[in-house]
PDB file of N, CA and C in Angstrom:
ATOM      1  N   MET A   1     -25.278  17.154  54.066  1.00  0.00           N
ATOM      2  CA  MET A   1     -24.556  17.852  53.039  1.00  0.00           C
ATOM      3  C   MET A   1     -23.818  16.870  52.134  1.00  0.00           C
ATOM      4  N   THR A   2     -23.843  17.131  50.874  1.00  0.00           N
ATOM      5  CA  THR A   2     -23.150  16.243  49.932  1.00  0.00           C
ATOM      6  C   THR A   2     -21.789  16.832  49.569  1.00  0.00           C
ATOM      7  N   LYS A   3     -20.892  15.918  49.230  1.00  0.00           N
ATOM      8  CA  LYS A   3     -19.548  16.347  48.824  1.00  0.00           C
ATOM      9  C   LYS A   3     -19.563  16.774  47.364  1.00  0.00           C
ATOM     10  N   PRO A   4     -18.736  17.740  47.012  1.00  0.00           N
ATOM     11  CA  PRO A   4     -18.654  18.117  45.592  1.00  0.00           C
ATOM     12  C   PRO A   4     -18.066  16.961  44.784  1.00  0.00           C
ATOM     13  N   ALA A   5     -18.467  16.859  43.552  1.00  0.00           N
ATOM     14  CA  ALA A   5     -17.977  15.789  42.673  1.00  0.00           C
ATOM     15  C   ALA A   5     -16.461  15.923  42.484  1.00  0.00           C
ATOM     16  N   GLN A   6     -15.781  14.798  42.627  1.00  0.00           N
ATOM     17  CA  GLN A   6     -14.334  14.831  42.438  1.00  0.00           C
ATOM     18  C   GLN A   6     -14.008  14.691  40.966  1.00  0.00           C
ATOM     19  N   ARG A   7     -13.031  15.423  40.554  1.00  0.00           N
ATOM     20  CA  ARG A   7     -12.602  15.355  39.161  1.00  0.00           C
ATOM     21  C   ARG A   7     -11.548  14.259  39.034  1.00  0.00           C
ATOM     22  N   ARG A   8     -11.696  13.469  38.029  1.00  0.00           N
ATOM     23  CA  ARG A   8     -10.698  12.439  37.762  1.00  0.00           C
ATOM     24  C   ARG A   8      -9.585  13.030  36.924  1.00  0.00           C
ATOM     25  N   ARG A   9      -8.385  12.730  37.320  1.00  0.00           N
ATOM     26  CA  ARG A   9      -7.229  13.215  36.550  1.00  0.00           C
ATOM     27  C   ARG A   9      -6.850  12.167  35.527  1.00  0.00           C
ATOM     28  N   ARG A  10      -6.714  12.607  34.329  1.00  0.00           N
ATOM     29  CA  ARG A  10      -6.235  11.715  33.275  1.00  0.00           C
ATOM     30  C   ARG A  10      -4.723  11.816  33.205  1.00  0.00           C
ATOM     31  N   PRO A  11      -4.056  10.685  33.025  1.00  0.00           N
ATOM     32  CA  PRO A  11      -2.598  10.773  32.857  1.00  0.00           C
ATOM     33  C   PRO A  11      -2.274  11.463  31.540  1.00  0.00           C
ATOM     34  N   SER A  12      -1.257  12.276  31.555  1.00  0.00           N
ATOM     35  CA  SER A  12      -0.888  12.963  30.318  1.00  0.00           C
ATOM     36  C   SER A  12      -0.282  11.980  29.347  1.00  0.00           C
ATOM     37  N   LYS A  13      -0.351  12.301  28.087  1.00  0.00           N
ATOM     38  CA  LYS A  13       0.174  11.410  27.059  1.00  0.00           C
ATOM     39  C   LYS A  13       1.693  11.375  27.058  1.00  0.00           C
ATOM     40  N   THR A  14       2.312  12.399  27.602  1.00  0.00           N
ATOM     41  CA  THR A  14       3.769  12.446  27.569  1.00  0.00           C
ATOM     42  C   THR A  14       4.404  11.673  28.716  1.00  0.00           C
ATOM     43  N   SER A  15       3.695  11.507  29.818  1.00  0.00           N
ATOM     44  CA  SER A  15       4.282  10.762  30.929  1.00  0.00           C
ATOM     45  C   SER A  15       3.678   9.369  30.984  1.00  0.00           C
ATOM     46  N   ARG A  16       4.530   8.394  30.790  1.00  0.00           N
ATOM     47  CA  ARG A  16       4.089   6.998  30.835  1.00  0.00           C
ATOM     48  C   ARG A  16       4.863   6.279  31.932  1.00  0.00           C
ATOM     49  N   PRO A  17       4.238   5.338  32.559  1.00  0.00           N
ATOM     50  CA  PRO A  17       4.953   4.591  33.589  1.00  0.00           C
ATOM     51  C   PRO A  17       6.117   3.806  32.991  1.00  0.00           C
ATOM     52  N   ALA A  18       7.167   3.672  33.754  1.00  0.00           N
ATOM     53  CA  ALA A  18       8.328   2.918  33.278  1.00  0.00           C
ATOM     54  C   ALA A  18       7.923   1.471  33.021  1.00  0.00           C
ATOM     55  N   GLY A  19       8.516   0.883  32.000  1.00  0.00           N
ATOM     56  CA  GLY A  19       8.236  -0.512  31.703  1.00  0.00           C
ATOM     57  C   GLY A  19       7.113  -0.731  30.709  1.00  0.00           C
ATOM     58  N   ARG A  20       6.484   0.314  30.251  1.00  0.00           N
ATOM     59  CA  ARG A  20       5.385   0.153  29.298  1.00  0.00           C
ATOM     60  C   ARG A  20       5.854   0.543  27.906  1.00  0.00           C
ATOM     61  N   ARG A  21       6.731  -0.231  27.367  1.00  0.00           N
ATOM     62  CA  ARG A  21       7.277   0.031  26.044  1.00  0.00           C
ATOM     63  C   ARG A  21       6.791  -1.063  25.107  1.00  0.00           C
ATOM     64  N   TRP A  22       5.645  -0.874  24.516  1.00  0.00           N
ATOM     65  CA  TRP A  22       5.090  -1.927  23.661  1.00  0.00           C
ATOM     66  C   TRP A  22       5.957  -2.167  22.442  1.00  0.00           C
ATOM     67  N   SER A  23       6.624  -1.116  21.952  1.00  0.00           N
ATOM     68  CA  SER A  23       7.454  -1.303  20.769  1.00  0.00           C
ATOM     69  C   SER A  23       8.673  -2.168  21.091  1.00  0.00           C
ATOM     70  N   ARG A  24       9.170  -2.055  22.300  1.00  0.00           N
ATOM     71  CA  ARG A  24      10.282  -2.916  22.701  1.00  0.00           C
ATOM     72  C   ARG A  24       9.835  -4.365  22.746  1.00  0.00           C
ATOM     73  N   ALA A  25       8.639  -4.598  23.247  1.00  0.00           N
ATOM     74  CA  ALA A  25       8.120  -5.962  23.300  1.00  0.00           C
ATOM     75  C   ALA A  25       7.951  -6.531  21.892  1.00  0.00           C
ATOM     76  N   VAL A  26       7.553  -5.702  20.954  1.00  0.00           N
ATOM     77  CA  VAL A  26       7.418  -6.155  19.566  1.00  0.00           C
ATOM     78  C   VAL A  26       8.771  -6.585  19.025  1.00  0.00           C
ATOM     79  N   MET A  27       9.800  -5.805  19.310  1.00  0.00           N
ATOM     80  CA  MET A  27      11.135  -6.134  18.821  1.00  0.00           C
ATOM     81  C   MET A  27      11.656  -7.424  19.450  1.00  0.00           C
ATOM     82  N   GLU A  28      11.332  -7.641  20.719  1.00  0.00           N
ATOM     83  CA  GLU A  28      11.852  -8.812  21.419  1.00  0.00           C
ATOM     84  C   GLU A  28      11.042 -10.071  21.157  1.00  0.00           C
ATOM     85  N   ARG A  29       9.735  -9.931  21.022  1.00  0.00           N
ATOM     86  CA  ARG A  29       8.884 -11.107  20.897  1.00  0.00           C
ATOM     87  C   ARG A  29       8.007 -11.064  19.649  1.00  0.00           C
ATOM     88  N   SER A  30       8.589 -10.629  18.575  1.00  0.00           N
ATOM     89  CA  SER A  30       7.846 -10.526  17.328  1.00  0.00           C
ATOM     90  C   SER A  30       7.392 -11.909  16.854  1.00  0.00           C
ATOM     91  N   ASP A  31       6.173 -11.989  16.365  1.00  0.00           N
ATOM     92  CA  ASP A  31       5.692 -13.240  15.791  1.00  0.00           C
ATOM     93  C   ASP A  31       6.262 -13.471  14.404  1.00  0.00           C
ATOM     94  N   ALA A  32       6.782 -12.440  13.804  1.00  0.00           N
ATOM     95  CA  ALA A  32       7.262 -12.571  12.434  1.00  0.00           C
ATOM     96  C   ALA A  32       8.714 -13.030  12.372  1.00  0.00           C
ATOM     97  N   LEU A  33       9.570 -12.434  13.185  1.00  0.00           N
ATOM     98  CA  LEU A  33      11.002 -12.699  13.072  1.00  0.00           C
ATOM     99  C   LEU A  33      11.643 -12.911  14.439  1.00  0.00           C
ATOM    100  N   ASP A  34      12.623 -13.805  14.482  1.00  0.00           N
ATOM    101  CA  ASP A  34      13.493 -13.942  15.649  1.00  0.00           C
ATOM    102  C   ASP A  34      14.782 -13.218  15.299  1.00  0.00           C
ATOM    103  N   LEU A  35      14.910 -12.006  15.793  1.00  0.00           N
ATOM    104  CA  LEU A  35      16.046 -11.154  15.437  1.00  0.00           C
ATOM    105  C   LEU A  35      17.288 -11.500  16.245  1.00  0.00           C
ATOM    106  N   ASP A  36      18.446 -11.317  15.629  1.00  0.00           N
ATOM    107  CA  ASP A  36      19.707 -11.458  16.342  1.00  0.00           C
ATOM    108  C   ASP A  36      19.824 -10.305  17.330  1.00  0.00           C
ATOM    109  N   ARG A  37      20.450 -10.567  18.456  1.00  0.00           N
ATOM    110  CA  ARG A  37      20.624  -9.525  19.474  1.00  0.00           C
ATOM    111  C   ARG A  37      21.486  -8.390  18.916  1.00  0.00           C
ATOM    112  N   GLY A  38      21.026  -7.166  19.087  1.00  0.00           N
ATOM    113  CA  GLY A  38      21.796  -5.991  18.684  1.00  0.00           C
ATOM    114  C   GLY A  38      21.870  -5.759  17.183  1.00  0.00           C
ATOM    115  N   VAL A  39      20.953  -6.344  16.436  1.00  0.00           N
ATOM    116  CA  VAL A  39      21.022  -6.217  14.976  1.00  0.00           C
ATOM    117  C   VAL A  39      20.944  -4.761  14.521  1.00  0.00           C
ATOM    118  N   PHE A  40      20.150  -3.942  15.191  1.00  0.00           N
ATOM    119  CA  PHE A  40      19.973  -2.553  14.759  1.00  0.00           C
ATOM    120  C   PHE A  40      21.044  -1.615  15.298  1.00  0.00           C
ATOM    121  N   THR A  41      21.948  -2.123  16.099  1.00  0.00           N
ATOM    122  CA  THR A  41      23.032  -1.284  16.615  1.00  0.00           C
ATOM    123  C   THR A  41      24.334  -1.503  15.853  1.00  0.00           C
ATOM    124  N   LYS A  42      24.330  -2.414  14.897  1.00  0.00           N
ATOM    125  CA  LYS A  42      25.528  -2.661  14.092  1.00  0.00           C
ATOM    126  C   LYS A  42      25.844  -1.431  13.252  1.00  0.00           C
ATOM    127  N   ARG A  43      27.110  -1.291  12.890  1.00  0.00           N
ATOM    128  CA  ARG A  43      27.552  -0.131  12.116  1.00  0.00           C
ATOM    129  C   ARG A  43      27.616  -0.407  10.618  1.00  0.00           C
ATOM    130  N   ASP A  44      27.513  -1.668  10.235  1.00  0.00           N
ATOM    131  CA  ASP A  44      27.638  -2.058   8.833  1.00  0.00           C
ATOM    132  C   ASP A  44      26.256  -2.329   8.232  1.00  0.00           C
ATOM    133  N   PRO A  45      25.816  -1.525   7.253  1.00  0.00           N
ATOM    134  CA  PRO A  45      24.491  -1.723   6.658  1.00  0.00           C
ATOM    135  C   PRO A  45      24.310  -3.120   6.050  1.00  0.00           C
ATOM    136  N   ARG A  46      25.358  -3.648   5.441  1.00  0.00           N
ATOM    137  CA  ARG A  46      25.264  -4.975   4.840  1.00  0.00           C
ATOM    138  C   ARG A  46      25.052  -6.051   5.903  1.00  0.00           C
ATOM    139  N   ALA A  47      25.744  -5.923   7.030  1.00  0.00           N
ATOM    140  CA  ALA A  47      25.586  -6.889   8.116  1.00  0.00           C
ATOM    141  C   ALA A  47      24.154  -6.866   8.661  1.00  0.00           C
ATOM    142  N   ILE A  48      23.586  -5.682   8.769  1.00  0.00           N
ATOM    143  CA  ILE A  48      22.198  -5.551   9.235  1.00  0.00           C
ATOM    144  C   ILE A  48      21.255  -6.222   8.247  1.00  0.00           C
ATOM    145  N   ALA A  49      21.444  -5.917   6.957  1.00  0.00           N
ATOM    146  CA  ALA A  49      20.573  -6.483   5.918  1.00  0.00           C
ATOM    147  C   ALA A  49      20.695  -8.004   5.861  1.00  0.00           C
ATOM    148  N   LEU A  50      21.902  -8.527   5.959  1.00  0.00           N
ATOM    149  CA  LEU A  50      22.096  -9.983   5.924  1.00  0.00           C
ATOM    150  C   LEU A  50      21.452 -10.656   7.133  1.00  0.00           C
ATOM    151  N   SER A  51      21.570 -10.023   8.294  1.00  0.00           N
ATOM    152  CA  SER A  51      20.964 -10.579   9.496  1.00  0.00           C
ATOM    153  C   SER A  51      19.437 -10.605   9.385  1.00  0.00           C
ATOM    154  N   LEU A  52      18.862  -9.512   8.885  1.00  0.00           N
ATOM    155  CA  LEU A  52      17.403  -9.461   8.710  1.00  0.00           C
ATOM    156  C   LEU A  52      16.937 -10.491   7.683  1.00  0.00           C
ATOM    157  N   ARG A  53      17.691 -10.635   6.603  1.00  0.00           N
ATOM    158  CA  ARG A  53      17.325 -11.613   5.581  1.00  0.00           C
ATOM    159  C   ARG A  53      17.373 -13.031   6.156  1.00  0.00           C
ATOM    160  N   ARG A  54      18.430 -13.336   6.888  1.00  0.00           N
ATOM    161  CA  ARG A  54      18.571 -14.653   7.498  1.00  0.00           C
ATOM    162  C   ARG A  54      17.404 -14.927   8.453  1.00  0.00           C
ATOM    163  N   SER A  55      17.058 -13.951   9.284  1.00  0.00           N
ATOM    164  CA  SER A  55      15.952 -14.113  10.228  1.00  0.00           C
ATOM    165  C   SER A  55      14.630 -14.316   9.506  1.00  0.00           C
ATOM    166  N   ALA A  56      14.404 -13.535   8.456  1.00  0.00           N
ATOM    167  CA  ALA A  56      13.139 -13.617   7.721  1.00  0.00           C
ATOM    168  C   ALA A  56      13.005 -14.950   6.982  1.00  0.00           C
ATOM    169  N   GLU A  57      14.103 -15.430   6.423  1.00  0.00           N
ATOM    170  CA  GLU A  57      14.022 -16.676   5.666  1.00  0.00           C
ATOM    171  C   GLU A  57      13.920 -17.899   6.565  1.00  0.00           C
ATOM    172  N   ARG A  58      14.420 -17.819   7.774  1.00  0.00           N
ATOM    173  CA  ARG A  58      14.329 -18.939   8.718  1.00  0.00           C
ATOM    174  C   ARG A  58      12.978 -19.016   9.408  1.00  0.00           C
ATOM    175  N   SER A  59      12.310 -17.895   9.517  1.00  0.00           N
ATOM    176  CA  SER A  59      11.059 -17.833  10.267  1.00  0.00           C
ATOM    177  C   SER A  59       9.949 -18.632   9.592  1.00  0.00           C
ATOM    178  N   ARG A  60       9.239 -19.385  10.393  1.00  0.00           N
ATOM    179  CA  ARG A  60       8.068 -20.133   9.901  1.00  0.00           C
ATOM    180  C   ARG A  60       6.769 -19.475  10.354  1.00  0.00           C
ATOM    181  N   ARG A  61       6.877 -18.414  11.150  1.00  0.00           N
ATOM    182  CA  ARG A  61       5.680 -17.759  11.687  1.00  0.00           C
ATOM    183  C   ARG A  61       5.287 -16.508  10.940  1.00  0.00           C
ATOM    184  N   ARG A  62       6.109 -16.070  10.020  1.00  0.00           N
ATOM    185  CA  ARG A  62       5.798 -14.818   9.328  1.00  0.00           C
ATOM    186  C   ARG A  62       4.592 -15.006   8.417  1.00  0.00           C
ATOM    187  N   LYS A  63       3.898 -13.914   8.185  1.00  0.00           N
ATOM    188  CA  LYS A  63       2.688 -13.962   7.370  1.00  0.00           C
ATOM    189  C   LYS A  63       2.944 -13.501   5.941  1.00  0.00           C
ATOM    190  N   ALA A  64       4.004 -12.744   5.732  1.00  0.00           N
ATOM    191  CA  ALA A  64       4.312 -12.219   4.403  1.00  0.00           C
ATOM    192  C   ALA A  64       5.597 -12.878   3.888  1.00  0.00           C
ATOM    193  N   GLU A  65       5.978 -12.515   2.687  1.00  0.00           N
ATOM    194  CA  GLU A  65       7.219 -13.045   2.120  1.00  0.00           C
ATOM    195  C   GLU A  65       8.416 -12.507   2.913  1.00  0.00           C
ATOM    196  N   PRO A  66       9.575 -13.167   2.832  1.00  0.00           N
ATOM    197  CA  PRO A  66      10.733 -12.760   3.645  1.00  0.00           C
ATOM    198  C   PRO A  66      11.156 -11.304   3.448  1.00  0.00           C
ATOM    199  N   TYR A  67      11.183 -10.831   2.201  1.00  0.00           N
ATOM    200  CA  TYR A  67      11.597  -9.452   1.943  1.00  0.00           C
ATOM    201  C   TYR A  67      10.699  -8.469   2.691  1.00  0.00           C
ATOM    202  N   ARG A  68       9.421  -8.680   2.587  1.00  0.00           N
ATOM    203  CA  ARG A  68       8.471  -7.757   3.200  1.00  0.00           C
ATOM    204  C   ARG A  68       8.568  -7.784   4.730  1.00  0.00           C
ATOM    205  N   SER A  69       8.766  -8.967   5.303  1.00  0.00           N
ATOM    206  CA  SER A  69       8.900  -9.067   6.756  1.00  0.00           C
ATOM    207  C   SER A  69      10.155  -8.353   7.240  1.00  0.00           C
ATOM    208  N   ALA A  70      11.266  -8.559   6.534  1.00  0.00           N
ATOM    209  CA  ALA A  70      12.525  -7.928   6.931  1.00  0.00           C
ATOM    210  C   ALA A  70      12.443  -6.410   6.798  1.00  0.00           C
ATOM    211  N   MET A  71      11.913  -5.937   5.688  1.00  0.00           N
ATOM    212  CA  MET A  71      11.803  -4.498   5.469  1.00  0.00           C
ATOM    213  C   MET A  71      10.833  -3.866   6.467  1.00  0.00           C
ATOM    214  N   SER A  72       9.760  -4.555   6.775  1.00  0.00           N
ATOM    215  CA  SER A  72       8.787  -4.031   7.740  1.00  0.00           C
ATOM    216  C   SER A  72       9.408  -3.877   9.121  1.00  0.00           C
ATOM    217  N   MET A  73      10.196  -4.851   9.532  1.00  0.00           N
ATOM    218  CA  MET A  73      10.820  -4.778  10.853  1.00  0.00           C
ATOM    219  C   MET A  73      11.836  -3.633  10.909  1.00  0.00           C
ATOM    220  N   LEU A  74      12.583  -3.447   9.852  1.00  0.00           N
ATOM    221  CA  LEU A  74      13.564  -2.359   9.797  1.00  0.00           C
ATOM    222  C   LEU A  74      12.863  -1.000   9.809  1.00  0.00           C
ATOM    223  N   THR A  75      11.821  -0.860   9.032  1.00  0.00           N
ATOM    224  CA  THR A  75      11.056   0.394   8.990  1.00  0.00           C
ATOM    225  C   THR A  75      10.389   0.657  10.335  1.00  0.00           C
ATOM    226  N   PHE A  76       9.857  -0.394  10.949  1.00  0.00           N
ATOM    227  CA  PHE A  76       9.227  -0.260  12.265  1.00  0.00           C
ATOM    228  C   PHE A  76      10.230   0.288  13.276  1.00  0.00           C
ATOM    229  N   TYR A  77      11.431  -0.268  13.278  1.00  0.00           N
ATOM    230  CA  TYR A  77      12.452   0.189  14.215  1.00  0.00           C
ATOM    231  C   TYR A  77      12.805   1.659  13.964  1.00  0.00           C
ATOM    232  N   LEU A  78      12.987   2.022  12.713  1.00  0.00           N
ATOM    233  CA  LEU A  78      13.317   3.420  12.386  1.00  0.00           C
ATOM    234  C   LEU A  78      12.213   4.368  12.833  1.00  0.00           C
ATOM    235  N   ASN A  79      10.974   4.002  12.594  1.00  0.00           N
ATOM    236  CA  ASN A  79       9.854   4.869  12.956  1.00  0.00           C
ATOM    237  C   ASN A  79       9.693   5.002  14.460  1.00  0.00           C
ATOM    238  N   ARG A  80       9.888   3.903  15.190  1.00  0.00           N
ATOM    239  CA  ARG A  80       9.696   3.935  16.632  1.00  0.00           C
ATOM    240  C   ARG A  80      10.856   4.604  17.351  1.00  0.00           C
ATOM    241  N   ALA A  81      12.060   4.552  16.765  1.00  0.00           N
ATOM    242  CA  ALA A  81      13.215   5.169  17.423  1.00  0.00           C
ATOM    243  C   ALA A  81      13.080   6.684  17.434  1.00  0.00           C
ATOM    244  N   GLY A  82      12.495   7.224  16.388  1.00  0.00           N
ATOM    245  CA  GLY A  82      12.210   8.652  16.346  1.00  0.00           C
ATOM    246  C   GLY A  82      13.417   9.544  16.500  1.00  0.00           C
ATOM    247  N   LYS A  83      13.258  10.610  17.256  1.00  0.00           N
ATOM    248  CA  LYS A  83      14.304  11.616  17.407  1.00  0.00           C
ATOM    249  C   LYS A  83      15.449  11.132  18.289  1.00  0.00           C
ATOM    250  N   LYS A  84      15.221  10.069  19.038  1.00  0.00           N
ATOM    251  CA  LYS A  84      16.264   9.583  19.940  1.00  0.00           C
ATOM    252  C   LYS A  84      17.373   8.834  19.202  1.00  0.00           C
ATOM    253  N   LEU A  85      17.119   8.442  17.975  1.00  0.00           N
ATOM    254  CA  LEU A  85      18.116   7.720  17.196  1.00  0.00           C
ATOM    255  C   LEU A  85      19.148   8.707  16.659  1.00  0.00           C
ATOM    256  N   PRO A  86      20.441   8.473  16.944  1.00  0.00           N
ATOM    257  CA  PRO A  86      21.470   9.386  16.425  1.00  0.00           C
ATOM    258  C   PRO A  86      21.464   9.408  14.901  1.00  0.00           C
ATOM    259  N   ALA A  87      21.800  10.546  14.344  1.00  0.00           N
ATOM    260  CA  ALA A  87      21.778  10.720  12.887  1.00  0.00           C
ATOM    261  C   ALA A  87      22.695   9.728  12.184  1.00  0.00           C
ATOM    262  N   THR A  88      23.839   9.437  12.788  1.00  0.00           N
ATOM    263  CA  THR A  88      24.763   8.489  12.148  1.00  0.00           C
ATOM    264  C   THR A  88      24.144   7.101  12.048  1.00  0.00           C
ATOM    265  N   GLN A  89      23.470   6.665  13.112  1.00  0.00           N
ATOM    266  CA  GLN A  89      22.849   5.336  13.081  1.00  0.00           C
ATOM    267  C   GLN A  89      21.639   5.322  12.149  1.00  0.00           C
ATOM    268  N   ARG A  90      20.921   6.439  12.079  1.00  0.00           N
ATOM    269  CA  ARG A  90      19.790   6.524  11.142  1.00  0.00           C
ATOM    270  C   ARG A  90      20.279   6.359   9.705  1.00  0.00           C
ATOM    271  N   ARG A  91      21.407   6.994   9.380  1.00  0.00           N
ATOM    272  CA  ARG A  91      21.977   6.841   8.033  1.00  0.00           C
ATOM    273  C   ARG A  91      22.376   5.396   7.757  1.00  0.00           C
ATOM    274  N   VAL A  92      22.957   4.740   8.751  1.00  0.00           N
ATOM    275  CA  VAL A  92      23.346   3.331   8.600  1.00  0.00           C
ATOM    276  C   VAL A  92      22.111   2.480   8.324  1.00  0.00           C
ATOM    277  N   LEU A  93      21.040   2.724   9.058  1.00  0.00           N
ATOM    278  CA  LEU A  93      19.816   1.928   8.887  1.00  0.00           C
ATOM    279  C   LEU A  93      19.133   2.224   7.551  1.00  0.00           C
ATOM    280  N   GLU A  94      19.185   3.472   7.116  1.00  0.00           N
ATOM    281  CA  GLU A  94      18.622   3.798   5.797  1.00  0.00           C
ATOM    282  C   GLU A  94      19.420   3.099   4.697  1.00  0.00           C
ATOM    283  N   ARG A  95      20.730   3.031   4.860  1.00  0.00           N
ATOM    284  CA  ARG A  95      21.554   2.298   3.888  1.00  0.00           C
ATOM    285  C   ARG A  95      21.263   0.801   3.951  1.00  0.00           C
ATOM    286  N   ALA A  96      20.944   0.315   5.131  1.00  0.00           N
ATOM    287  CA  ALA A  96      20.598  -1.100   5.278  1.00  0.00           C
ATOM    288  C   ALA A  96      19.323  -1.423   4.493  1.00  0.00           C
ATOM    289  N   LYS A  97      18.401  -0.467   4.419  1.00  0.00           N
ATOM    290  CA  LYS A  97      17.201  -0.674   3.606  1.00  0.00           C
ATOM    291  C   LYS A  97      17.570  -0.818   2.137  1.00  0.00           C
ATOM    292  N   ASP A  98      18.495   0.036   1.674  1.00  0.00           N
ATOM    293  CA  ASP A  98      18.963  -0.068   0.282  1.00  0.00           C
ATOM    294  C   ASP A  98      19.657  -1.412   0.045  1.00  0.00           C
ATOM    295  N   GLU A  99      20.451  -1.822   1.009  1.00  0.00           N
ATOM    296  CA  GLU A  99      21.175  -3.098   0.897  1.00  0.00           C
ATOM    297  C   GLU A  99      20.194  -4.276   0.880  1.00  0.00           C
ATOM    298  N   LEU A 100      19.158  -4.195   1.674  1.00  0.00           N
ATOM    299  CA  LEU A 100      18.136  -5.244   1.706  1.00  0.00           C
ATOM    300  C   LEU A 100      17.427  -5.338   0.349  1.00  0.00           C
ATOM    301  N   ARG A 101      17.154  -4.188  -0.243  1.00  0.00           N
ATOM    302  CA  ARG A 101      16.540  -4.180  -1.581  1.00  0.00           C
ATOM    303  C   ARG A 101      17.468  -4.856  -2.595  1.00  0.00           C
ATOM    304  N   ARG A 102      18.771  -4.558  -2.500  1.00  0.00           N
ATOM    305  CA  ARG A 102      19.727  -5.202  -3.408  1.00  0.00           C
ATOM    306  C   ARG A 102      19.781  -6.709  -3.210  1.00  0.00           C
ATOM    307  N   LEU A 103      19.777  -7.151  -1.954  1.00  0.00           N
ATOM    308  CA  LEU A 103      19.854  -8.581  -1.664  1.00  0.00           C
ATOM    309  C   LEU A 103      18.671  -9.353  -2.251  1.00  0.00           C
ATOM    310  N   TYR A 104      17.530  -8.685  -2.305  1.00  0.00           N
ATOM    311  CA  TYR A 104      16.322  -9.331  -2.854  1.00  0.00           C
ATOM    312  C   TYR A 104      16.060  -8.954  -4.316  1.00  0.00           C
ATOM    313  N   GLY A 105      17.002  -8.259  -4.919  1.00  0.00           N
ATOM    314  CA  GLY A 105      16.854  -7.908  -6.331  1.00  0.00           C
ATOM    315  C   GLY A 105      15.755  -6.909  -6.612  1.00  0.00           C
ATOM    316  N   ARG A 106      15.523  -6.008  -5.689  1.00  0.00           N
ATOM    317  CA  ARG A 106      14.464  -5.012  -5.844  1.00  0.00           C
ATOM    318  C   ARG A 106      15.013  -3.591  -5.857  1.00  0.00           C
ATOM    319  N   ALA A 107      16.289  -3.461  -6.147  1.00  0.00           N
ATOM    320  CA  ALA A 107      16.927  -2.129  -6.128  1.00  0.00           C
ATOM    321  C   ALA A 107      16.595  -1.333  -7.370  1.00  0.00           C
TER     322      ALA A 107
END
């Protein structure tokens, strides 16, 4: 007698094993920028923008111009944080984007 075929269970998309946060690894070990610790948790939009600008201009590994690298990293963080990001911090980060545009003369 043969055994019935076993069904393989696929892991659901909503449950992921702990420690598999690829976006966190991008933030920590980005090839483009060496970010200051806690840059996205600051409360001052100007401080965030200045820190990103400093990181982008110092980096020798980035592939794009400093403005684009800094803005991309900020946008990446906002997109990946999603609904878990408090509204107050989201507003601060959105203002930091405006401040970054001003710093690079693109406002």
